[in-house]
């Protein structure tokens, strides 16, 4: 990974520009990547084998968000897009019917 988000990083000494002992950027990245597949599973309908691909897509999406150079961001974003295109999305919930909307309007 090229770097962290814009601004100062966690546990970074402003005076001398060095990282402090026990820097947690590695753990923070692992935590961000671990949370992402659950978010993707909520939007997509993956098979068990496609769940493994969601973990790979999560790494690419994190790199697309955090990379310093535009080239790396675009490459990671395109790679994640190629993976996610092969996984079907969950169907959108049907909009409420007109009769149920009228019942809501008449209820108060």
N, C-alpha and C. Protein backbone atom coordinates (compact mmCIF):
# COMPACT_ATOMS: atom_id res chain seq x y z
N UNK A 1 0.84 -1.16 0.00
CA UNK A 1 0.00 0.00 0.00
C UNK A 1 0.89 1.23 0.00
N UNK A 2 0.50 2.25 -0.72
CA UNK A 2 1.34 3.44 -0.86
C UNK A 2 1.31 4.35 0.36
N UNK A 3 0.24 4.42 1.08
CA UNK A 3 0.19 5.31 2.22
C UNK A 3 -1.19 5.33 2.81
N UNK A 4 -1.36 6.13 3.82
CA UNK A 4 -2.66 6.21 4.46
C UNK A 4 -3.41 7.40 3.91
N UNK A 5 -4.54 7.67 4.49
CA UNK A 5 -5.42 8.72 4.00
C UNK A 5 -4.75 10.08 4.08
N UNK A 6 -5.37 11.02 3.47
CA UNK A 6 -4.85 12.38 3.47
C UNK A 6 -4.78 12.89 4.90
N UNK A 7 -3.71 13.57 5.22
CA UNK A 7 -3.53 14.08 6.57
C UNK A 7 -2.48 13.29 7.31
N UNK A 8 -2.43 13.48 8.61
CA UNK A 8 -1.43 12.79 9.40
C UNK A 8 -1.90 11.38 9.73
N UNK A 9 -0.96 10.50 9.91
CA UNK A 9 -1.28 9.12 10.21
C UNK A 9 -1.32 8.91 11.71
N UNK A 10 -1.90 7.81 12.10
CA UNK A 10 -1.98 7.48 13.52
C UNK A 10 -0.59 7.24 14.07
N UNK A 11 -0.35 7.74 15.25
CA UNK A 11 0.92 7.56 15.95
C UNK A 11 2.10 8.05 15.12
N UNK A 12 1.99 9.26 14.62
CA UNK A 12 3.03 9.87 13.82
C UNK A 12 3.53 11.11 14.55
N UNK A 13 4.84 11.18 14.78
CA UNK A 13 5.42 12.30 15.51
C UNK A 13 5.60 13.48 14.55
N UNK A 14 4.91 14.59 14.83
CA UNK A 14 4.97 15.76 13.97
C UNK A 14 6.33 16.45 14.02
N UNK A 15 7.04 16.37 15.14
CA UNK A 15 8.30 17.09 15.29
C UNK A 15 9.40 16.53 14.40
N UNK A 16 9.56 15.23 14.39
CA UNK A 16 10.67 14.67 13.61
C UNK A 16 10.19 13.87 12.40
N UNK A 17 8.88 13.72 12.20
CA UNK A 17 8.37 13.05 11.02
C UNK A 17 8.48 11.54 11.05
N UNK A 18 8.69 10.95 12.21
CA UNK A 18 8.84 9.50 12.30
C UNK A 18 7.61 8.89 12.96
N UNK A 19 7.43 7.62 12.68
CA UNK A 19 6.37 6.87 13.34
C UNK A 19 6.80 6.53 14.76
N UNK A 20 5.86 6.52 15.66
CA UNK A 20 6.14 6.14 17.03
C UNK A 20 6.14 4.62 17.15
N UNK A 21 6.72 4.11 18.22
CA UNK A 21 6.72 2.67 18.46
C UNK A 21 5.28 2.19 18.62
N UNK A 22 5.00 1.01 18.10
CA UNK A 22 3.67 0.43 18.22
C UNK A 22 2.67 1.03 17.26
N UNK A 23 3.12 1.50 16.10
CA UNK A 23 2.21 2.09 15.12
C UNK A 23 1.17 1.06 14.71
N UNK A 24 -0.06 1.48 14.64
CA UNK A 24 -1.16 0.53 14.40
C UNK A 24 -1.73 0.63 13.00
N UNK A 25 -1.04 1.24 12.06
CA UNK A 25 -1.57 1.38 10.70
C UNK A 25 -1.80 0.01 10.07
N UNK A 26 -0.90 -0.94 10.32
CA UNK A 26 -1.08 -2.28 9.75
C UNK A 26 -2.35 -2.92 10.29
N UNK A 27 -2.53 -2.84 11.61
CA UNK A 27 -3.75 -3.41 12.21
C UNK A 27 -4.99 -2.67 11.76
N UNK A 28 -4.89 -1.37 11.58
CA UNK A 28 -6.04 -0.59 11.12
C UNK A 28 -6.44 -1.02 9.71
N UNK A 29 -5.45 -1.26 8.86
CA UNK A 29 -5.74 -1.73 7.50
C UNK A 29 -6.40 -3.10 7.53
N UNK A 30 -5.87 -4.00 8.34
CA UNK A 30 -6.46 -5.33 8.44
C UNK A 30 -7.88 -5.27 8.96
N UNK A 31 -8.15 -4.36 9.87
CA UNK A 31 -9.51 -4.22 10.41
C UNK A 31 -10.45 -3.64 9.35
N UNK A 32 -9.98 -2.65 8.58
CA UNK A 32 -10.82 -2.10 7.51
C UNK A 32 -11.16 -3.17 6.49
N UNK A 33 -10.17 -3.98 6.14
CA UNK A 33 -10.40 -5.03 5.14
C UNK A 33 -11.32 -6.11 5.71
N UNK A 34 -11.22 -6.41 6.99
CA UNK A 34 -12.08 -7.44 7.60
C UNK A 34 -13.54 -6.98 7.66
N UNK A 35 -13.77 -5.69 7.80
CA UNK A 35 -15.14 -5.18 7.87
C UNK A 35 -15.80 -5.10 6.50
N UNK A 36 -15.01 -4.92 5.45
CA UNK A 36 -15.56 -4.69 4.12
C UNK A 36 -16.35 -5.87 3.55
N UNK A 37 -15.92 -7.15 3.70
CA UNK A 37 -16.73 -8.24 3.13
C UNK A 37 -18.15 -8.31 3.70
N UNK A 38 -18.32 -7.98 4.97
CA UNK A 38 -19.67 -7.98 5.54
C UNK A 38 -20.54 -6.92 4.86
N UNK A 39 -19.95 -5.78 4.56
CA UNK A 39 -20.69 -4.74 3.85
C UNK A 39 -21.03 -5.18 2.43
N UNK A 40 -20.09 -5.87 1.78
CA UNK A 40 -20.32 -6.33 0.42
C UNK A 40 -21.36 -7.45 0.38
N UNK A 41 -21.34 -8.33 1.37
CA UNK A 41 -22.32 -9.42 1.42
C UNK A 41 -23.73 -8.85 1.58
N UNK A 42 -23.86 -7.72 2.27
CA UNK A 42 -25.17 -7.10 2.43
C UNK A 42 -25.71 -6.59 1.09
N UNK A 43 -24.82 -6.23 0.16
CA UNK A 43 -25.25 -5.70 -1.14
C UNK A 43 -25.30 -6.76 -2.24
N UNK A 44 -24.53 -7.81 -2.09
CA UNK A 44 -24.42 -8.82 -3.13
C UNK A 44 -24.98 -10.15 -2.63
N UNK A 45 -25.24 -11.05 -3.59
CA UNK A 45 -25.77 -12.38 -3.28
C UNK A 45 -24.73 -13.42 -3.73
N UNK A 46 -23.63 -13.58 -2.97
CA UNK A 46 -22.54 -14.44 -3.43
C UNK A 46 -22.77 -15.91 -3.07
N UNK A 47 -22.21 -16.77 -3.91
CA UNK A 47 -22.14 -18.19 -3.58
C UNK A 47 -20.97 -18.36 -2.61
N UNK A 48 -20.81 -19.54 -2.02
CA UNK A 48 -19.68 -19.73 -1.09
C UNK A 48 -18.31 -19.46 -1.74
N UNK A 49 -18.14 -19.83 -2.98
CA UNK A 49 -16.85 -19.57 -3.63
C UNK A 49 -16.70 -18.08 -3.96
N UNK A 50 -17.80 -17.41 -4.23
CA UNK A 50 -17.72 -15.98 -4.53
C UNK A 50 -17.46 -15.15 -3.27
N UNK A 51 -17.74 -15.71 -2.09
CA UNK A 51 -17.42 -15.01 -0.85
C UNK A 51 -15.91 -14.80 -0.71
N UNK A 52 -15.14 -15.77 -1.22
CA UNK A 52 -13.69 -15.61 -1.18
C UNK A 52 -13.24 -14.48 -2.10
N UNK A 53 -13.94 -14.33 -3.24
CA UNK A 53 -13.63 -13.24 -4.13
C UNK A 53 -13.97 -11.89 -3.51
N UNK A 54 -15.00 -11.86 -2.64
CA UNK A 54 -15.35 -10.61 -1.97
C UNK A 54 -14.22 -10.14 -1.05
N UNK A 55 -13.51 -11.09 -0.46
CA UNK A 55 -12.36 -10.72 0.39
C UNK A 55 -11.25 -10.10 -0.45
N UNK A 56 -11.04 -10.61 -1.65
CA UNK A 56 -10.04 -10.03 -2.55
C UNK A 56 -10.49 -8.64 -3.01
N UNK A 57 -11.78 -8.53 -3.34
CA UNK A 57 -12.31 -7.23 -3.75
C UNK A 57 -12.20 -6.22 -2.61
N UNK A 58 -12.35 -6.67 -1.38
CA UNK A 58 -12.23 -5.77 -0.23
C UNK A 58 -10.82 -5.19 -0.15
N UNK A 59 -9.81 -6.01 -0.43
CA UNK A 59 -8.43 -5.50 -0.42
C UNK A 59 -8.23 -4.45 -1.51
N UNK A 60 -8.77 -4.75 -2.70
CA UNK A 60 -8.64 -3.78 -3.79
C UNK A 60 -9.38 -2.48 -3.48
N UNK A 61 -10.56 -2.58 -2.89
CA UNK A 61 -11.32 -1.37 -2.57
C UNK A 61 -10.59 -0.53 -1.52
N UNK A 62 -9.97 -1.19 -0.56
CA UNK A 62 -9.21 -0.44 0.44
C UNK A 62 -8.02 0.25 -0.21
N UNK A 63 -7.35 -0.43 -1.11
CA UNK A 63 -6.22 0.16 -1.81
C UNK A 63 -6.69 1.32 -2.69
N UNK A 64 -7.87 1.18 -3.31
CA UNK A 64 -8.39 2.26 -4.14
C UNK A 64 -8.71 3.50 -3.31
N UNK A 65 -9.10 3.31 -2.07
CA UNK A 65 -9.39 4.45 -1.20
C UNK A 65 -8.13 5.10 -0.65
N UNK A 66 -7.10 4.32 -0.37
CA UNK A 66 -5.96 4.82 0.39
C UNK A 66 -4.69 5.09 -0.42
N UNK A 67 -4.62 4.61 -1.65
CA UNK A 67 -3.38 4.76 -2.42
C UNK A 67 -3.09 6.23 -2.70
N UNK A 68 -1.82 6.57 -2.75
CA UNK A 68 -1.43 7.97 -2.98
C UNK A 68 -1.55 8.36 -4.44
N UNK A 69 -1.06 7.52 -5.33
CA UNK A 69 -1.05 7.90 -6.74
C UNK A 69 -2.39 7.57 -7.39
N UNK A 70 -2.76 8.41 -8.34
CA UNK A 70 -4.02 8.19 -9.06
C UNK A 70 -3.97 6.88 -9.85
N UNK A 71 -2.81 6.54 -10.36
CA UNK A 71 -2.68 5.31 -11.14
C UNK A 71 -3.01 4.08 -10.28
N UNK A 72 -2.47 4.04 -9.07
CA UNK A 72 -2.75 2.91 -8.18
C UNK A 72 -4.22 2.87 -7.79
N UNK A 73 -4.82 4.04 -7.54
CA UNK A 73 -6.24 4.09 -7.18
C UNK A 73 -7.10 3.56 -8.32
N UNK A 74 -6.79 3.96 -9.54
CA UNK A 74 -7.58 3.53 -10.69
C UNK A 74 -7.40 2.04 -10.93
N UNK A 75 -6.16 1.55 -10.86
CA UNK A 75 -5.92 0.12 -11.08
C UNK A 75 -6.65 -0.72 -10.05
N UNK A 76 -6.59 -0.32 -8.78
CA UNK A 76 -7.26 -1.09 -7.74
C UNK A 76 -8.77 -1.00 -7.89
N UNK A 77 -9.29 0.17 -8.23
CA UNK A 77 -10.72 0.32 -8.43
C UNK A 77 -11.24 -0.52 -9.59
N UNK A 78 -10.49 -0.55 -10.69
CA UNK A 78 -10.89 -1.36 -11.84
C UNK A 78 -10.83 -2.85 -11.53
N UNK A 79 -9.83 -3.27 -10.78
CA UNK A 79 -9.72 -4.69 -10.41
C UNK A 79 -10.90 -5.08 -9.52
N UNK A 80 -11.26 -4.22 -8.56
CA UNK A 80 -12.41 -4.52 -7.71
C UNK A 80 -13.69 -4.55 -8.53
N UNK A 81 -13.81 -3.64 -9.48
CA UNK A 81 -15.01 -3.61 -10.34
C UNK A 81 -15.14 -4.88 -11.16
N UNK A 82 -14.02 -5.38 -11.70
CA UNK A 82 -14.06 -6.63 -12.48
C UNK A 82 -14.52 -7.80 -11.63
N UNK A 83 -14.06 -7.85 -10.38
CA UNK A 83 -14.46 -8.94 -9.49
C UNK A 83 -15.94 -8.81 -9.14
N UNK A 84 -16.36 -7.61 -8.78
CA UNK A 84 -17.74 -7.42 -8.32
C UNK A 84 -18.76 -7.57 -9.45
N UNK A 85 -18.34 -7.34 -10.71
CA UNK A 85 -19.26 -7.54 -11.83
C UNK A 85 -19.68 -9.00 -11.98
N UNK A 86 -18.82 -9.91 -11.56
CA UNK A 86 -19.12 -11.33 -11.73
C UNK A 86 -20.02 -11.88 -10.61
N UNK A 87 -20.30 -11.08 -9.61
CA UNK A 87 -21.13 -11.52 -8.48
C UNK A 87 -22.49 -10.85 -8.58
N UNK A 88 -23.57 -11.63 -8.55
CA UNK A 88 -24.90 -11.01 -8.71
C UNK A 88 -25.27 -10.17 -7.49
N UNK A 89 -25.93 -9.05 -7.77
CA UNK A 89 -26.42 -8.18 -6.69
C UNK A 89 -27.72 -8.74 -6.14
N UNK A 90 -28.00 -8.38 -4.90
CA UNK A 90 -29.28 -8.76 -4.32
C UNK A 90 -30.36 -7.94 -5.01
N UNK A 91 -31.54 -8.54 -5.20
CA UNK A 91 -32.61 -7.78 -5.86
C UNK A 91 -33.07 -6.62 -4.97
N UNK A 92 -33.40 -5.53 -5.63
CA UNK A 92 -33.91 -4.37 -4.90
C UNK A 92 -35.28 -4.70 -4.31
N UNK A 93 -35.56 -4.23 -3.11
CA UNK A 93 -36.89 -4.48 -2.54
C UNK A 93 -37.96 -3.77 -3.38
N UNK A 94 -39.08 -4.43 -3.51
CA UNK A 94 -40.17 -3.87 -4.31
C UNK A 94 -40.71 -2.61 -3.63
N UNK A 95 -41.05 -1.61 -4.42
CA UNK A 95 -41.62 -0.42 -3.80
C UNK A 95 -43.00 -0.73 -3.22
N UNK A 96 -43.39 0.00 -2.20
CA UNK A 96 -44.70 -0.29 -1.61
C UNK A 96 -45.83 -0.05 -2.63
N UNK A 97 -46.85 -0.85 -2.50
CA UNK A 97 -47.96 -0.72 -3.44
C UNK A 97 -48.75 0.55 -3.13
N UNK A 98 -49.55 0.94 -4.07
CA UNK A 98 -50.35 2.15 -3.91
C UNK A 98 -51.37 2.00 -2.79
N UNK A 99 -51.94 0.80 -2.66
CA UNK A 99 -52.93 0.59 -1.61
C UNK A 99 -52.30 0.69 -0.21
N UNK A 100 -51.07 0.16 -0.05
CA UNK A 100 -50.43 0.26 1.26
C UNK A 100 -50.03 1.72 1.55
N UNK A 101 -49.68 2.48 0.52
CA UNK A 101 -49.38 3.89 0.71
C UNK A 101 -50.63 4.65 1.14
N UNK A 102 -51.76 4.33 0.53
CA UNK A 102 -53.02 5.01 0.89
C UNK A 102 -53.42 4.66 2.32
N UNK A 103 -53.16 3.44 2.74
CA UNK A 103 -53.48 3.04 4.11
C UNK A 103 -52.64 3.82 5.11
N UNK A 104 -51.35 4.04 4.77
CA UNK A 104 -50.48 4.83 5.63
C UNK A 104 -50.96 6.27 5.72
N UNK A 105 -51.42 6.82 4.62
CA UNK A 105 -51.90 8.19 4.60
C UNK A 105 -53.18 8.35 5.39
N UNK A 106 -54.04 7.34 5.36
CA UNK A 106 -55.33 7.40 6.05
C UNK A 106 -55.20 7.07 7.54
N UNK A 107 -54.13 6.42 7.96
CA UNK A 107 -53.98 5.97 9.34
C UNK A 107 -53.91 7.13 10.36
N UNK A 108 -53.19 8.20 10.18
CA UNK A 108 -53.11 9.24 11.21
C UNK A 108 -54.32 10.06 11.31
